[in-house]
């Protein structure tokens, strides 16, 4: 998927690349990208796109700035553009997480149970139709118009 830049590059970066690459999260693997996150050779939207057209549920924790909630929303929505090509946009769901997060970013919250149940019914047990919900961000919803200046192709 070609876009004008990367949602993560211009979106919310939280603490930037320093925490992630300074040894705390990834060791020194990504250290060369610490001050130039806009040239990382891959982005989360690419990973989302790789799942198309299969079912995908993204559970976000939108209250922790270091986790880049706007970038996470943008990456899911941008990757979701690939789902549109084969007509499977209902197969990708995004849930923003807990609005009053106590900074327990590894937790599973009661608010996430229903989106998970919907995804299981739609994609695993096939007892319900997928609905492709892209919940708005309580902090800030990404505007893909800032990144995408093209129309998604429809495959026939």
Protein backbone atom coordinates (compact mmCIF):
# COMPACT_ATOMS: atom_id res chain seq x y z
CA UNK A 1 0.00 0.00 0.00
CA UNK A 2 1.54 3.28 -1.05
CA UNK A 3 0.68 6.33 0.99
CA UNK A 4 2.21 9.76 1.41
CA UNK A 5 4.45 8.88 4.29
CA UNK A 6 3.62 6.78 7.28
CA UNK A 7 0.83 7.34 9.82
CA UNK A 8 3.27 6.57 12.59
CA UNK A 9 5.81 9.04 11.27
CA UNK A 10 3.58 12.08 11.46
CA UNK A 11 1.11 10.88 14.03
CA UNK A 12 1.44 10.68 17.77
CA UNK A 13 4.74 9.12 18.72
CA UNK A 14 4.44 9.28 22.49
CA UNK A 15 7.97 9.27 23.80
CA UNK A 16 9.34 8.94 20.27
CA UNK A 17 11.75 6.24 19.37
CA UNK A 18 14.04 6.72 22.37
CA UNK A 19 12.21 4.46 24.84
CA UNK A 20 11.51 1.78 22.27
CA UNK A 21 15.03 1.67 20.86
CA UNK A 22 17.08 2.72 23.86
CA UNK A 23 17.23 -0.75 25.35
CA UNK A 24 13.98 -0.73 27.32
CA UNK A 25 11.80 -2.55 24.79
CA UNK A 26 13.81 -3.76 21.80
CA UNK A 27 17.37 -3.54 23.03
CA UNK A 28 19.53 -1.93 20.37
CA UNK A 29 17.89 -3.65 17.37
CA UNK A 30 16.08 -0.51 16.25
CA UNK A 31 18.66 1.94 17.58
CA UNK A 32 19.63 3.27 14.16
CA UNK A 33 16.05 4.51 13.71
CA UNK A 34 15.83 6.35 17.03
CA UNK A 35 15.87 9.83 15.51
CA UNK A 36 14.37 8.96 12.12
CA UNK A 37 11.22 6.91 12.71
CA UNK A 38 9.82 8.12 9.39
CA UNK A 39 12.24 5.85 7.47
CA UNK A 40 11.66 2.57 9.33
CA UNK A 41 11.37 0.00 6.50
CA UNK A 42 8.01 -1.36 7.71
CA UNK A 43 4.99 -0.02 9.48
CA UNK A 44 2.10 -1.48 11.43
CA UNK A 45 -0.35 -0.83 8.60
CA UNK A 46 1.68 -3.30 6.51
CA UNK A 47 1.19 -5.97 9.16
CA UNK A 48 -2.57 -5.29 9.29
CA UNK A 49 -2.73 -5.55 5.49
CA UNK A 50 -0.99 -8.95 5.54
CA UNK A 51 -4.00 -10.45 7.32
CA UNK A 52 -6.45 -9.44 4.57
CA UNK A 53 -8.99 -10.79 3.84
CA UNK A 54 -9.03 -12.87 7.06
CA UNK A 55 -10.64 -11.65 10.26
CA UNK A 56 -8.56 -9.32 12.43
CA UNK A 57 -9.42 -7.63 15.72
CA UNK A 58 -7.09 -4.89 16.99
CA UNK A 59 -7.50 -4.13 20.70
CA UNK A 60 -5.81 -0.85 21.54
CA UNK A 61 -5.00 0.86 24.81
CA UNK A 62 -5.69 4.41 23.80
CA UNK A 63 -4.82 6.20 27.02
CA UNK A 64 -1.08 5.58 27.12
CA UNK A 65 0.77 8.15 25.01
CA UNK A 66 3.90 6.03 24.72
CA UNK A 67 1.85 3.40 22.86
CA UNK A 68 0.95 5.91 20.12
CA UNK A 69 -2.82 5.59 20.09
CA UNK A 70 -3.36 7.86 17.08
CA UNK A 71 -0.72 5.92 15.14
CA UNK A 72 -2.34 2.62 16.14
CA UNK A 73 -5.74 3.81 14.96
CA UNK A 74 -4.21 5.14 11.71
CA UNK A 75 -2.30 1.91 11.09
CA UNK A 76 -5.42 -0.22 11.53
CA UNK A 77 -7.52 2.04 9.30
CA UNK A 78 -4.78 2.31 6.65
CA UNK A 79 -4.20 -1.45 6.65
CA UNK A 80 -7.96 -1.82 6.43
CA UNK A 81 -7.82 -0.17 2.99
CA UNK A 82 -6.34 -3.43 1.69
CA UNK A 83 -9.41 -5.25 3.03
CA UNK A 84 -11.58 -3.04 0.80
CA UNK A 85 -9.98 -4.29 -2.43
CA UNK A 86 -11.51 -7.81 -2.24
CA UNK A 87 -14.66 -6.45 -0.58
CA UNK A 88 -13.73 -7.73 2.90
CA UNK A 89 -13.63 -4.44 4.85
CA UNK A 90 -16.03 -5.91 7.42
CA UNK A 91 -13.32 -8.40 8.43
CA UNK A 92 -11.11 -5.87 10.24
CA UNK A 93 -12.21 -4.38 13.58
CA UNK A 94 -10.56 -1.82 15.83
CA UNK A 95 -11.51 -1.25 19.45
CA UNK A 96 -9.92 1.68 21.26
CA UNK A 97 -9.61 0.11 24.68
CA UNK A 98 -10.27 1.50 28.10
CA UNK A 99 -11.00 5.23 28.36
CA UNK A 100 -9.86 5.40 32.00
CA UNK A 101 -6.73 3.30 31.78
CA UNK A 102 -4.70 2.89 34.98
CA UNK A 103 -1.53 2.39 32.85
CA UNK A 104 -1.84 -1.37 32.93
CA UNK A 105 -1.20 -1.72 29.20
CA UNK A 106 -0.93 -5.52 29.32
CA UNK A 107 -4.35 -5.98 30.88
CA UNK A 108 -7.54 -7.24 29.27
CA UNK A 109 -10.42 -4.99 30.17
CA UNK A 110 -14.13 -5.83 30.49
CA UNK A 111 -14.81 -3.29 27.70
CA UNK A 112 -12.84 -5.50 25.32
CA UNK A 113 -14.90 -8.64 25.98
CA UNK A 114 -17.78 -7.81 23.63
CA UNK A 115 -15.57 -6.89 20.64
CA UNK A 116 -13.69 -10.15 21.24
CA UNK A 117 -16.95 -12.14 21.40
CA UNK A 118 -18.13 -10.51 18.15
CA UNK A 119 -14.85 -11.41 16.44
CA UNK A 120 -15.00 -15.02 17.67
CA UNK A 121 -18.60 -15.39 16.46
CA UNK A 122 -17.79 -13.84 13.09
CA UNK A 123 -14.41 -15.36 12.28
CA UNK A 124 -13.96 -18.52 14.33
CA UNK A 125 -17.37 -20.08 14.90
CA UNK A 126 -19.01 -18.29 11.94
CA UNK A 127 -22.25 -17.91 13.87
CA UNK A 128 -22.56 -14.18 13.10
CA UNK A 129 -21.66 -11.84 10.27
CA UNK A 130 -18.58 -9.63 10.71
CA UNK A 131 -19.38 -5.95 11.05
CA UNK A 132 -16.04 -4.20 10.54
CA UNK A 133 -16.30 -1.72 13.39
CA UNK A 134 -13.63 0.94 13.48
CA UNK A 135 -14.36 2.54 16.85
CA UNK A 136 -13.40 6.21 17.02
CA UNK A 137 -10.48 7.12 19.24
CA UNK A 138 -11.44 8.89 22.48
CA UNK A 139 -8.06 10.65 22.45
CA UNK A 140 -7.83 11.49 18.74
CA UNK A 141 -9.01 9.61 15.68
CA UNK A 142 -6.60 9.42 12.78
CA UNK A 143 -7.57 11.24 9.61
CA UNK A 144 -6.46 9.07 6.70
CA UNK A 145 -7.00 11.96 4.30
CA UNK A 146 -3.70 13.33 5.63
CA UNK A 147 -1.90 10.23 4.34
CA UNK A 148 -3.83 8.76 1.44
CA UNK A 149 -4.23 10.67 -1.82
CA UNK A 150 -5.42 7.72 -3.88
CA UNK A 151 -8.53 5.59 -4.23
CA UNK A 152 -8.52 1.96 -3.12
CA UNK A 153 -8.81 -0.40 -6.07
CA UNK A 154 -11.59 -2.97 -6.16
CA UNK A 155 -10.55 -6.46 -7.20
CA UNK A 156 -12.98 -8.36 -9.38
